[in-house]
Amino acid sequence: MIRAIIFDYNQVLADDFSAHREAYKKAFNKYGIKLADDEITRILHMPRKYKIDYLKERHGLQEDNEHIFKEKEKEFFRIAKTRSLLFPETEEAIEKLSKKFALGIFTGTNLEQMLIPEKTMKLFKAIVTITDYEKPKPHPEGLFKCIERLKISANECAYVGDSPPDMEVAKTVGCKAIGKTTGIFSAEQLKEAGAEIIIRDLKELVEMGL
């Protein structure tokens, strides 16, 4: 029996990749680095260290790179102020699901970038961000921490993500793996990675019996 649902943030609760893409382009353009759309899509799914390694190799990014990433963060928040990044159904779906399940978030982003209204944020009983663990997905460290904070067992939990590493980490810890096709990966790719259920909209979770 599923007693808890844990969500990834990017492209699951929030449709924020377009804002990150714009921010990367604007920030890196200022320093003469032209990033192609496919490159940005690739690095959006990388942990910070791997992003830096990739950009060093492909574009000669220097060791003193922190100022560029800080500029990218500023651009992201400027863009985010002009629009709501949550999917239209997120707040209502989370409110309804919170009445049936304990809810959590396990994400590779940081807390500052999670632009969720306070009323909705309070409905999550456990939040684990990139600063809470050392090893990125598909390593299970972060998801295990979230499960522990919810005080449940892994087989009582479902994890909703938009990428193959999300599905892989869910299967590793013994959670039900739910793939959401609002990222860059297809239903077929998510199924190949272990997704047991495929959804397009969080409202589907409200309507289905888990």
N, C-alpha and C. Protein backbone atom coordinates (compact mmCIF):
# COMPACT_ATOMS: atom_id res chain seq x y z
N MET A 1 0.84 -1.20 0.00
CA MET A 1 0.00 0.00 0.00
C MET A 1 0.87 1.25 0.00
N ILE A 2 0.59 2.19 -0.88
CA ILE A 2 1.35 3.43 -0.96
C ILE A 2 0.82 4.44 0.06
N ARG A 3 1.71 4.88 0.95
CA ARG A 3 1.34 5.85 1.97
C ARG A 3 1.96 7.22 1.74
N ALA A 4 2.96 7.27 0.85
CA ALA A 4 3.67 8.54 0.62
C ALA A 4 4.04 8.68 -0.85
N ILE A 5 4.06 9.92 -1.33
CA ILE A 5 4.53 10.23 -2.69
C ILE A 5 5.63 11.27 -2.59
N ILE A 6 6.75 10.98 -3.21
CA ILE A 6 7.89 11.92 -3.26
C ILE A 6 8.02 12.40 -4.69
N PHE A 7 8.26 13.68 -4.85
CA PHE A 7 8.34 14.30 -6.17
C PHE A 7 9.73 14.85 -6.45
N ASP A 8 10.17 14.71 -7.69
CA ASP A 8 11.25 15.56 -8.19
C ASP A 8 10.64 16.95 -8.37
N TYR A 9 11.48 17.97 -8.46
CA TYR A 9 10.94 19.33 -8.63
C TYR A 9 10.93 19.76 -10.09
N ASN A 10 12.12 19.77 -10.72
CA ASN A 10 12.24 20.29 -12.08
C ASN A 10 11.45 19.44 -13.07
N GLN A 11 10.58 20.07 -13.82
CA GLN A 11 9.76 19.45 -14.86
C GLN A 11 8.77 18.43 -14.32
N VAL A 12 8.58 18.40 -13.01
CA VAL A 12 7.56 17.56 -12.40
C VAL A 12 6.55 18.44 -11.67
N LEU A 13 7.04 19.24 -10.73
CA LEU A 13 6.20 20.23 -10.08
C LEU A 13 6.26 21.56 -10.82
N ALA A 14 7.42 21.87 -11.37
CA ALA A 14 7.63 23.16 -12.03
C ALA A 14 8.13 22.97 -13.46
N ASP A 15 7.62 23.79 -14.34
CA ASP A 15 8.06 23.81 -15.74
C ASP A 15 9.11 24.91 -15.87
N ASP A 16 10.30 24.65 -15.30
CA ASP A 16 11.29 25.71 -15.16
C ASP A 16 12.48 25.62 -16.10
N PHE A 17 12.53 24.58 -16.93
CA PHE A 17 13.70 24.43 -17.80
C PHE A 17 13.82 25.57 -18.80
N SER A 18 12.70 26.09 -19.29
CA SER A 18 12.78 27.19 -20.25
C SER A 18 13.42 28.43 -19.61
N ALA A 19 13.10 28.67 -18.34
CA ALA A 19 13.70 29.81 -17.63
C ALA A 19 15.20 29.58 -17.42
N HIS A 20 15.58 28.35 -17.09
CA HIS A 20 17.01 28.04 -16.93
C HIS A 20 17.75 28.18 -18.26
N ARG A 21 17.13 27.74 -19.36
CA ARG A 21 17.78 27.86 -20.66
C ARG A 21 18.06 29.32 -20.99
N GLU A 22 17.05 30.18 -20.80
CA GLU A 22 17.23 31.61 -21.07
C GLU A 22 18.34 32.19 -20.20
N ALA A 23 18.36 31.77 -18.94
CA ALA A 23 19.36 32.31 -18.01
C ALA A 23 20.77 31.88 -18.40
N TYR A 24 20.94 30.63 -18.79
CA TYR A 24 22.25 30.17 -19.24
C TYR A 24 22.72 30.97 -20.46
N LYS A 25 21.83 31.15 -21.42
CA LYS A 25 22.22 31.87 -22.64
C LYS A 25 22.65 33.30 -22.33
N LYS A 26 21.82 34.00 -21.55
CA LYS A 26 22.13 35.41 -21.26
C LYS A 26 23.41 35.55 -20.45
N ALA A 27 23.57 34.72 -19.43
CA ALA A 27 24.74 34.84 -18.56
C ALA A 27 26.03 34.48 -19.30
N PHE A 28 26.02 33.37 -20.03
CA PHE A 28 27.25 32.92 -20.68
C PHE A 28 27.58 33.78 -21.90
N ASN A 29 26.56 34.32 -22.55
CA ASN A 29 26.82 35.25 -23.67
C ASN A 29 27.62 36.45 -23.22
N LYS A 30 27.38 36.91 -22.00
CA LYS A 30 28.11 38.07 -21.47
C LYS A 30 29.61 37.82 -21.39
N TYR A 31 29.98 36.54 -21.30
CA TYR A 31 31.39 36.18 -21.18
C TYR A 31 31.90 35.53 -22.47
N GLY A 32 31.16 35.74 -23.55
CA GLY A 32 31.61 35.28 -24.86
C GLY A 32 31.47 33.79 -25.09
N ILE A 33 30.65 33.12 -24.29
CA ILE A 33 30.45 31.68 -24.46
C ILE A 33 29.05 31.46 -25.04
N LYS A 34 29.00 30.95 -26.25
CA LYS A 34 27.73 30.70 -26.93
C LYS A 34 27.31 29.25 -26.70
N LEU A 35 26.23 29.06 -25.98
CA LEU A 35 25.74 27.72 -25.69
C LEU A 35 24.59 27.38 -26.62
N ALA A 36 24.69 26.24 -27.30
CA ALA A 36 23.60 25.77 -28.17
C ALA A 36 22.49 25.18 -27.31
N ASP A 37 21.28 25.15 -27.86
CA ASP A 37 20.12 24.64 -27.12
C ASP A 37 20.33 23.21 -26.64
N ASP A 38 20.90 22.36 -27.50
CA ASP A 38 21.10 20.97 -27.11
C ASP A 38 22.13 20.83 -25.99
N GLU A 39 23.11 21.73 -25.97
CA GLU A 39 24.09 21.72 -24.89
C GLU A 39 23.44 22.10 -23.57
N ILE A 40 22.60 23.11 -23.60
CA ILE A 40 21.93 23.55 -22.38
C ILE A 40 21.02 22.45 -21.86
N THR A 41 20.30 21.80 -22.76
CA THR A 41 19.43 20.69 -22.35
C THR A 41 20.25 19.61 -21.66
N ARG A 42 21.44 19.33 -22.19
CA ARG A 42 22.28 18.30 -21.61
C ARG A 42 22.75 18.69 -20.22
N ILE A 43 23.23 19.91 -20.04
CA ILE A 43 23.79 20.28 -18.75
C ILE A 43 22.72 20.55 -17.69
N LEU A 44 21.49 20.79 -18.12
CA LEU A 44 20.43 20.99 -17.14
C LEU A 44 20.25 19.77 -16.25
N HIS A 45 20.55 18.59 -16.77
CA HIS A 45 20.39 17.36 -16.00
C HIS A 45 21.67 16.94 -15.29
N MET A 46 22.72 17.76 -15.39
CA MET A 46 23.99 17.40 -14.76
C MET A 46 24.14 18.03 -13.38
N PRO A 47 24.76 17.31 -12.43
CA PRO A 47 25.18 17.94 -11.18
C PRO A 47 26.18 19.05 -11.48
N ARG A 48 26.31 20.01 -10.58
CA ARG A 48 27.14 21.19 -10.80
C ARG A 48 28.57 20.83 -11.24
N LYS A 49 29.19 19.88 -10.56
CA LYS A 49 30.58 19.52 -10.89
C LYS A 49 30.69 19.07 -12.34
N TYR A 50 29.73 18.26 -12.80
CA TYR A 50 29.79 17.75 -14.16
C TYR A 50 29.53 18.86 -15.18
N LYS A 51 28.69 19.83 -14.81
CA LYS A 51 28.47 20.98 -15.69
C LYS A 51 29.78 21.72 -15.91
N ILE A 52 30.49 21.97 -14.82
CA ILE A 52 31.75 22.71 -14.92
C ILE A 52 32.76 21.93 -15.76
N ASP A 53 32.87 20.63 -15.52
CA ASP A 53 33.81 19.81 -16.30
C ASP A 53 33.46 19.85 -17.79
N TYR A 54 32.17 19.75 -18.10
CA TYR A 54 31.73 19.78 -19.49
C TYR A 54 32.06 21.12 -20.15
N LEU A 55 31.78 22.20 -19.44
CA LEU A 55 32.00 23.54 -20.01
C LEU A 55 33.49 23.85 -20.13
N LYS A 56 34.30 23.31 -19.25
CA LYS A 56 35.75 23.48 -19.38
C LYS A 56 36.25 22.80 -20.64
N GLU A 57 35.75 21.58 -20.87
CA GLU A 57 36.21 20.81 -22.02
C GLU A 57 35.72 21.38 -23.33
N ARG A 58 34.45 21.77 -23.39
CA ARG A 58 33.84 22.22 -24.65
C ARG A 58 34.09 23.69 -24.96
N HIS A 59 34.19 24.53 -23.92
CA HIS A 59 34.25 25.97 -24.16
C HIS A 59 35.41 26.66 -23.45
N GLY A 60 36.30 25.87 -22.86
CA GLY A 60 37.47 26.48 -22.23
C GLY A 60 37.14 27.29 -21.00
N LEU A 61 36.07 26.94 -20.29
CA LEU A 61 35.71 27.65 -19.07
C LEU A 61 36.88 27.59 -18.09
N GLN A 62 37.24 28.74 -17.53
CA GLN A 62 38.39 28.83 -16.64
C GLN A 62 38.04 28.39 -15.22
N GLU A 63 39.09 28.20 -14.42
CA GLU A 63 38.89 27.77 -13.04
C GLU A 63 38.05 28.78 -12.27
N ASP A 64 38.26 30.06 -12.53
CA ASP A 64 37.49 31.11 -11.84
C ASP A 64 36.13 31.25 -12.51
N ASN A 65 35.27 30.29 -12.24
CA ASN A 65 33.99 30.23 -12.95
C ASN A 65 32.80 30.64 -12.11
N GLU A 66 33.02 30.84 -10.81
CA GLU A 66 31.89 31.07 -9.91
C GLU A 66 31.08 32.30 -10.29
N HIS A 67 31.76 33.33 -10.79
CA HIS A 67 31.05 34.57 -11.14
C HIS A 67 30.07 34.35 -12.30
N ILE A 68 30.40 33.44 -13.21
CA ILE A 68 29.49 33.16 -14.33
C ILE A 68 28.23 32.47 -13.83
N PHE A 69 28.41 31.50 -12.94
CA PHE A 69 27.25 30.79 -12.42
C PHE A 69 26.39 31.70 -11.53
N LYS A 70 27.04 32.62 -10.83
CA LYS A 70 26.26 33.58 -10.03
C LYS A 70 25.45 34.49 -10.95
N GLU A 71 26.03 34.87 -12.08
CA GLU A 71 25.31 35.68 -13.06
C GLU A 71 24.13 34.90 -13.64
N LYS A 72 24.35 33.60 -13.87
CA LYS A 72 23.26 32.76 -14.37
C LYS A 72 22.13 32.71 -13.35
N GLU A 73 22.46 32.59 -12.06
CA GLU A 73 21.43 32.56 -11.02
C GLU A 73 20.64 33.86 -10.99
N LYS A 74 21.33 34.98 -11.12
CA LYS A 74 20.64 36.28 -11.14
C LYS A 74 19.68 36.36 -12.32
N GLU A 75 20.13 35.90 -13.47
CA GLU A 75 19.28 35.93 -14.66
C GLU A 75 18.05 35.03 -14.46
N PHE A 76 18.27 33.86 -13.85
CA PHE A 76 17.16 32.94 -13.61
C PHE A 76 16.08 33.59 -12.75
N PHE A 77 16.49 34.23 -11.67
CA PHE A 77 15.51 34.85 -10.77
C PHE A 77 14.83 36.06 -11.41
N ARG A 78 15.57 36.77 -12.27
CA ARG A 78 14.93 37.88 -13.00
C ARG A 78 13.81 37.34 -13.90
N ILE A 79 14.10 36.26 -14.58
CA ILE A 79 13.11 35.65 -15.48
C ILE A 79 11.95 35.09 -14.68
N ALA A 80 12.26 34.42 -13.57
CA ALA A 80 11.21 33.78 -12.76
C ALA A 80 10.22 34.80 -12.19
N LYS A 81 10.68 36.02 -11.96
CA LYS A 81 9.78 37.05 -11.44
C LYS A 81 8.71 37.47 -12.45
N THR A 82 8.94 37.16 -13.71
CA THR A 82 8.01 37.59 -14.75
C THR A 82 6.95 36.55 -15.07
N ARG A 83 7.04 35.36 -14.46
CA ARG A 83 6.10 34.29 -14.79
C ARG A 83 6.01 33.29 -13.64
N SER A 84 4.92 32.53 -13.61
CA SER A 84 4.81 31.43 -12.66
C SER A 84 5.45 30.20 -13.30
N LEU A 85 6.32 29.54 -12.56
CA LEU A 85 7.02 28.38 -13.10
C LEU A 85 6.33 27.05 -12.79
N LEU A 86 5.43 27.03 -11.83
CA LEU A 86 4.74 25.79 -11.52
C LEU A 86 3.81 25.40 -12.66
N PHE A 87 3.66 24.09 -12.88
CA PHE A 87 2.64 23.65 -13.83
C PHE A 87 1.28 24.11 -13.31
N PRO A 88 0.35 24.41 -14.21
CA PRO A 88 -0.95 24.97 -13.79
C PRO A 88 -1.69 24.12 -12.77
N GLU A 89 -1.52 22.81 -12.84
CA GLU A 89 -2.28 21.93 -11.95
C GLU A 89 -1.57 21.63 -10.63
N THR A 90 -0.32 22.09 -10.47
CA THR A 90 0.49 21.63 -9.34
C THR A 90 -0.14 21.93 -7.98
N GLU A 91 -0.50 23.18 -7.73
CA GLU A 91 -0.97 23.55 -6.40
C GLU A 91 -2.24 22.80 -6.01
N GLU A 92 -3.19 22.72 -6.93
CA GLU A 92 -4.44 22.02 -6.62
C GLU A 92 -4.20 20.52 -6.42
N ALA A 93 -3.37 19.94 -7.27
CA ALA A 93 -3.09 18.51 -7.16
C ALA A 93 -2.39 18.18 -5.85
N ILE A 94 -1.41 19.00 -5.47
CA ILE A 94 -0.68 18.75 -4.22
C ILE A 94 -1.61 18.88 -3.02
N GLU A 95 -2.48 19.86 -3.04
CA GLU A 95 -3.42 20.02 -1.94
C GLU A 95 -4.30 18.78 -1.78
N LYS A 96 -4.81 18.26 -2.88
CA LYS A 96 -5.67 17.07 -2.83
C LYS A 96 -4.89 15.83 -2.41
N LEU A 97 -3.69 15.67 -2.96
CA LEU A 97 -2.89 14.49 -2.62
C LEU A 97 -2.45 14.50 -1.16
N SER A 98 -2.24 15.70 -0.59
CA SER A 98 -1.78 15.80 0.80
C SER A 98 -2.82 15.28 1.78
N LYS A 99 -4.05 15.17 1.34
CA LYS A 99 -5.12 14.66 2.22
C LYS A 99 -5.13 13.13 2.26
N LYS A 100 -4.42 12.50 1.33
CA LYS A 100 -4.38 11.04 1.26
C LYS A 100 -3.00 10.46 1.53
N PHE A 101 -1.95 11.25 1.24
CA PHE A 101 -0.59 10.75 1.33
C PHE A 101 0.31 11.73 2.08
N ALA A 102 1.37 11.19 2.69
CA ALA A 102 2.47 12.05 3.14
C ALA A 102 3.26 12.42 1.89
N LEU A 103 3.62 13.68 1.76
CA LEU A 103 4.29 14.15 0.54
C LEU A 103 5.72 14.61 0.84
N GLY A 104 6.60 14.37 -0.12
CA GLY A 104 7.98 14.81 0.01
C GLY A 104 8.53 15.28 -1.32
N ILE A 105 9.69 15.93 -1.27
CA ILE A 105 10.42 16.36 -2.47
C ILE A 105 11.86 15.87 -2.34
N PHE A 106 12.35 15.24 -3.39
CA PHE A 106 13.77 14.88 -3.51
C PHE A 106 14.23 15.40 -4.85
N THR A 107 15.14 16.37 -4.83
CA THR A 107 15.50 17.07 -6.06
C THR A 107 16.99 17.35 -6.13
N GLY A 108 17.46 17.52 -7.36
CA GLY A 108 18.85 17.90 -7.59
C GLY A 108 19.05 19.39 -7.66
N THR A 109 18.01 20.16 -7.37
CA THR A 109 18.14 21.61 -7.36
C THR A 109 18.30 22.10 -5.93
N ASN A 110 18.49 23.40 -5.75
CA ASN A 110 18.63 23.94 -4.40
C ASN A 110 17.32 24.59 -3.94
N LEU A 111 17.22 24.82 -2.65
CA LEU A 111 15.98 25.31 -2.07
C LEU A 111 15.59 26.68 -2.61
N GLU A 112 16.59 27.54 -2.87
CA GLU A 112 16.31 28.89 -3.34
C GLU A 112 15.61 28.89 -4.70
N GLN A 113 15.90 27.90 -5.53
CA GLN A 113 15.32 27.84 -6.87
C GLN A 113 13.95 27.16 -6.89
N MET A 114 13.53 26.64 -5.77
CA MET A 114 12.22 25.98 -5.70
C MET A 114 11.16 27.04 -5.38
N LEU A 115 10.59 27.60 -6.42
CA LEU A 115 9.68 28.74 -6.27
C LEU A 115 8.24 28.24 -6.09
N ILE A 116 7.99 27.72 -4.90
CA ILE A 116 6.69 27.17 -4.55
C ILE A 116 6.06 28.08 -3.49
N PRO A 117 4.81 28.51 -3.67
CA PRO A 117 4.15 29.35 -2.67
C PRO A 117 4.18 28.68 -1.28
N GLU A 118 4.31 29.50 -0.25
CA GLU A 118 4.45 28.98 1.11
C GLU A 118 3.31 28.04 1.50
N LYS A 119 2.09 28.36 1.11
CA LYS A 119 0.94 27.54 1.46
C LYS A 119 1.10 26.12 0.92
N THR A 120 1.60 26.00 -0.30
CA THR A 120 1.81 24.68 -0.90
C THR A 120 3.05 24.00 -0.33
N MET A 121 4.10 24.79 -0.10
CA MET A 121 5.35 24.23 0.43
C MET A 121 5.12 23.54 1.77
N LYS A 122 4.24 24.07 2.58
CA LYS A 122 3.97 23.51 3.90
C LYS A 122 3.31 22.13 3.84
N LEU A 123 2.78 21.76 2.69
CA LEU A 123 2.13 20.46 2.55
C LEU A 123 3.13 19.32 2.38
N PHE A 124 4.39 19.66 2.13
CA PHE A 124 5.44 18.65 1.99
C PHE A 124 6.07 18.39 3.36
N LYS A 125 6.03 17.14 3.78
CA LYS A 125 6.52 16.77 5.12
C LYS A 125 8.04 16.58 5.15
N ALA A 126 8.64 16.38 3.99
CA ALA A 126 10.10 16.20 3.92
C ALA A 126 10.60 16.78 2.60
N ILE A 127 11.66 17.57 2.67
CA ILE A 127 12.25 18.17 1.47
C ILE A 127 13.76 17.93 1.50
N VAL A 128 14.25 17.24 0.48
CA VAL A 128 15.68 16.95 0.38
C VAL A 128 16.19 17.56 -0.92
N THR A 129 17.11 18.52 -0.80
CA THR A 129 17.67 19.21 -1.96
C THR A 129 19.13 18.84 -2.14
N ILE A 130 19.75 19.41 -3.16
CA ILE A 130 21.12 19.07 -3.53
C ILE A 130 22.12 19.30 -2.40
N THR A 131 21.82 20.20 -1.46
CA THR A 131 22.74 20.48 -0.36
C THR A 131 22.63 19.45 0.76
N ASP A 132 21.67 18.53 0.67
CA ASP A 132 21.45 17.55 1.73
C ASP A 132 22.13 16.21 1.48
N TYR A 133 22.73 16.03 0.32
CA TYR A 133 23.39 14.76 0.01
C TYR A 133 24.59 15.01 -0.89
N GLU A 134 25.48 14.03 -0.97
CA GLU A 134 26.73 14.17 -1.72
C GLU A 134 26.69 13.52 -3.09
N LYS A 135 26.03 12.38 -3.20
CA LYS A 135 26.07 11.61 -4.44
C LYS A 135 24.79 11.82 -5.23
N PRO A 136 24.89 12.30 -6.48
CA PRO A 136 23.70 12.61 -7.27
C PRO A 136 22.98 11.36 -7.78
N LYS A 137 21.74 11.56 -8.24
CA LYS A 137 20.98 10.47 -8.88
C LYS A 137 21.81 9.90 -10.05
N PRO A 138 21.74 8.61 -10.27
CA PRO A 138 20.81 7.63 -9.68
C PRO A 138 21.28 7.01 -8.37
N HIS A 139 22.29 7.58 -7.71
CA HIS A 139 22.67 7.07 -6.39
C HIS A 139 21.49 7.29 -5.43
N PRO A 140 21.20 6.33 -4.57
CA PRO A 140 20.00 6.41 -3.73
C PRO A 140 20.12 7.25 -2.46
N GLU A 141 21.28 7.85 -2.19
CA GLU A 141 21.48 8.55 -0.93
C GLU A 141 20.37 9.55 -0.62
N GLY A 142 20.07 10.44 -1.57
CA GLY A 142 19.10 11.50 -1.31
C GLY A 142 17.68 10.98 -1.14
N LEU A 143 17.30 9.99 -1.94
CA LEU A 143 15.95 9.44 -1.82
C LEU A 143 15.79 8.69 -0.50
N PHE A 144 16.81 7.96 -0.09
CA PHE A 144 16.75 7.30 1.20
C PHE A 144 16.55 8.32 2.33
N LYS A 145 17.23 9.47 2.24
CA LYS A 145 17.08 10.50 3.27
C LYS A 145 15.65 11.01 3.33
N CYS A 146 15.05 11.21 2.17
CA CYS A 146 13.69 11.70 2.12
C CYS A 146 12.72 10.68 2.73
N ILE A 147 12.91 9.42 2.40
CA ILE A 147 12.07 8.35 2.94
C ILE A 147 12.21 8.29 4.46
N GLU A 148 13.44 8.41 4.95
CA GLU A 148 13.67 8.38 6.40
C GLU A 148 12.96 9.53 7.09
N ARG A 149 12.99 10.71 6.48
CA ARG A 149 12.34 11.87 7.09
C ARG A 149 10.82 11.73 7.10
N LEU A 150 10.29 11.00 6.15
CA LEU A 150 8.86 10.74 6.12
C LEU A 150 8.46 9.62 7.08
N LYS A 151 9.44 8.90 7.60
CA LYS A 151 9.23 7.83 8.58
C LYS A 151 8.32 6.73 8.02
N ILE A 152 8.65 6.31 6.80
CA ILE A 152 7.94 5.21 6.16
C ILE A 152 8.97 4.24 5.61
N SER A 153 8.51 3.11 5.10
CA SER A 153 9.41 2.18 4.42
C SER A 153 9.35 2.45 2.92
N ALA A 154 10.40 2.07 2.21
CA ALA A 154 10.50 2.37 0.78
C ALA A 154 9.35 1.77 -0.02
N ASN A 155 8.89 0.57 0.36
CA ASN A 155 7.83 -0.07 -0.42
C ASN A 155 6.45 0.55 -0.18
N GLU A 156 6.40 1.54 0.71
CA GLU A 156 5.16 2.28 0.94
C GLU A 156 5.18 3.64 0.23
N CYS A 157 6.15 3.80 -0.65
CA CYS A 157 6.40 5.11 -1.24
C CYS A 157 6.43 5.03 -2.77
N ALA A 158 5.98 6.09 -3.42
CA ALA A 158 6.12 6.26 -4.87
C ALA A 158 6.99 7.48 -5.13
N TYR A 159 7.82 7.41 -6.16
CA TYR A 159 8.65 8.56 -6.55
C TYR A 159 8.28 8.98 -7.96
N VAL A 160 7.97 10.27 -8.12
CA VAL A 160 7.55 10.82 -9.41
C VAL A 160 8.70 11.64 -9.98
N GLY A 161 9.19 11.24 -11.16
CA GLY A 161 10.28 11.96 -11.80
C GLY A 161 10.10 12.03 -13.30
N ASP A 162 10.96 12.77 -13.96
CA ASP A 162 10.83 12.97 -15.41
C ASP A 162 12.00 12.43 -16.20
N SER A 163 12.93 11.74 -15.55
CA SER A 163 14.13 11.29 -16.25
C SER A 163 14.47 9.85 -15.91
N PRO A 164 15.26 9.18 -16.75
CA PRO A 164 15.70 7.82 -16.46
C PRO A 164 16.40 7.68 -15.10
N PRO A 165 17.32 8.61 -14.71
CA PRO A 165 17.91 8.47 -13.38
C PRO A 165 16.88 8.49 -12.25
N ASP A 166 15.78 9.25 -12.43
CA ASP A 166 14.72 9.25 -11.43
C ASP A 166 14.10 7.86 -11.30
N MET A 167 13.85 7.23 -12.43
CA MET A 167 13.25 5.89 -12.41
C MET A 167 14.23 4.88 -11.82
N GLU A 168 15.49 5.02 -12.16
CA GLU A 168 16.50 4.09 -11.67
C GLU A 168 16.65 4.16 -10.16
N VAL A 169 16.66 5.39 -9.62
CA VAL A 169 16.83 5.53 -8.17
C VAL A 169 15.60 5.01 -7.43
N ALA A 170 14.42 5.20 -8.00
CA ALA A 170 13.21 4.67 -7.38
C ALA A 170 13.27 3.15 -7.30
N LYS A 171 13.69 2.52 -8.39
CA LYS A 171 13.77 1.07 -8.41
C LYS A 171 14.85 0.55 -7.45
N THR A 172 15.94 1.29 -7.35
CA THR A 172 17.04 0.88 -6.47
C THR A 172 16.59 0.80 -5.02
N VAL A 173 15.82 1.80 -4.58
CA VAL A 173 15.41 1.83 -3.17
C VAL A 173 14.14 1.03 -2.91
N GLY A 174 13.43 0.62 -3.97
CA GLY A 174 12.21 -0.16 -3.79
C GLY A 174 10.93 0.63 -3.79
N CYS A 175 10.97 1.87 -4.29
CA CYS A 175 9.76 2.68 -4.43
C CYS A 175 9.05 2.34 -5.74
N LYS A 176 7.78 2.65 -5.81
CA LYS A 176 7.06 2.58 -7.08
C LYS A 176 7.55 3.74 -7.94
N ALA A 177 7.96 3.45 -9.15
CA ALA A 177 8.52 4.47 -10.04
C ALA A 177 7.43 5.01 -10.97
N ILE A 178 7.20 6.31 -10.90
CA ILE A 178 6.19 6.97 -11.73
C ILE A 178 6.88 7.99 -12.63
N GLY A 179 6.77 7.81 -13.93
CA GLY A 179 7.40 8.72 -14.88
C GLY A 179 6.43 9.77 -15.38
N LYS A 180 6.85 11.01 -15.36
CA LYS A 180 6.03 12.13 -15.85
C LYS A 180 6.68 12.66 -17.13
N THR A 181 5.89 12.70 -18.22
CA THR A 181 6.46 12.99 -19.55
C THR A 181 6.43 14.48 -19.89
N THR A 182 6.78 15.30 -18.90
CA THR A 182 6.81 16.74 -19.14
C THR A 182 8.23 17.28 -19.20
N GLY A 183 9.20 16.37 -19.21
CA GLY A 183 10.59 16.76 -19.38
C GLY A 183 11.02 16.50 -20.81
N ILE A 184 12.27 16.11 -21.00
CA ILE A 184 12.79 15.89 -22.35
C ILE A 184 12.78 14.41 -22.73
N PHE A 185 12.32 13.53 -21.81
CA PHE A 185 12.35 12.10 -22.07
C PHE A 185 10.96 11.57 -22.40
N SER A 186 10.92 10.61 -23.30
CA SER A 186 9.65 10.03 -23.75
C SER A 186 9.15 8.98 -22.76
N ALA A 187 7.88 8.59 -22.93
CA ALA A 187 7.31 7.52 -22.12
C ALA A 187 8.11 6.23 -22.29
N GLU A 188 8.53 5.95 -23.51
CA GLU A 188 9.30 4.74 -23.79
C GLU A 188 10.63 4.74 -23.05
N GLN A 189 11.31 5.89 -23.04
CA GLN A 189 12.59 5.99 -22.33
C GLN A 189 12.41 5.80 -20.83
N LEU A 190 11.33 6.37 -20.29
CA LEU A 190 11.07 6.23 -18.86
C LEU A 190 10.71 4.80 -18.50
N LYS A 191 9.94 4.14 -19.37
CA LYS A 191 9.60 2.73 -19.13
C LYS A 191 10.84 1.86 -19.16
N GLU A 192 11.72 2.11 -20.12
CA GLU A 192 12.96 1.34 -20.22
C GLU A 192 13.81 1.48 -18.96
N ALA A 193 13.71 2.65 -18.32
CA ALA A 193 14.49 2.91 -17.11
C ALA A 193 13.81 2.36 -15.86
N GLY A 194 12.57 1.85 -16.01
CA GLY A 194 11.92 1.22 -14.87
C GLY A 194 10.60 1.80 -14.43
N ALA A 195 10.07 2.78 -15.15
CA ALA A 195 8.79 3.38 -14.76
C ALA A 195 7.68 2.34 -14.80
N GLU A 196 6.90 2.26 -13.71
CA GLU A 196 5.77 1.34 -13.64
C GLU A 196 4.48 2.02 -14.09
N ILE A 197 4.44 3.32 -13.92
CA ILE A 197 3.28 4.12 -14.29
C ILE A 197 3.79 5.34 -15.05
N ILE A 198 3.08 5.73 -16.10
CA ILE A 198 3.42 6.93 -16.85
C ILE A 198 2.26 7.92 -16.75
N ILE A 199 2.58 9.17 -16.43
CA ILE A 199 1.56 10.22 -16.38
C ILE A 199 2.04 11.43 -17.17
N ARG A 200 1.10 12.26 -17.57
CA ARG A 200 1.43 13.52 -18.22
C ARG A 200 1.11 14.70 -17.31
N ASP A 201 0.19 14.48 -16.38
CA ASP A 201 -0.37 15.56 -15.59
C ASP A 201 -0.52 15.07 -14.15
N LEU A 202 -0.22 15.92 -13.17
CA LEU A 202 -0.35 15.51 -11.78
C LEU A 202 -1.79 15.20 -11.39
N LYS A 203 -2.74 15.74 -12.14
CA LYS A 203 -4.14 15.42 -11.85
C LYS A 203 -4.42 13.93 -12.01
N GLU A 204 -3.65 13.27 -12.83
CA GLU A 204 -3.80 11.83 -13.00
C GLU A 204 -3.51 11.08 -11.72
N LEU A 205 -2.58 11.57 -10.91
CA LEU A 205 -2.27 10.95 -9.63
C LEU A 205 -3.43 11.07 -8.67
N VAL A 206 -4.09 12.21 -8.73
CA VAL A 206 -5.25 12.44 -7.85
C VAL A 206 -6.36 11.44 -8.18
N GLU A 207 -6.52 11.16 -9.44
CA GLU A 207 -7.64 10.32 -9.91
C GLU A 207 -7.36 8.83 -9.83
N MET A 208 -6.09 8.44 -9.86
CA MET A 208 -5.80 7.00 -9.88
C MET A 208 -5.67 6.46 -8.46
N GLY A 209 -5.86 5.19 -8.30
CA GLY A 209 -5.67 4.54 -7.02
C GLY A 209 -4.27 3.95 -6.95
N LEU A 210 -3.49 4.41 -5.98
CA LEU A 210 -2.14 3.89 -5.82
C LEU A 210 -2.10 2.87 -4.68
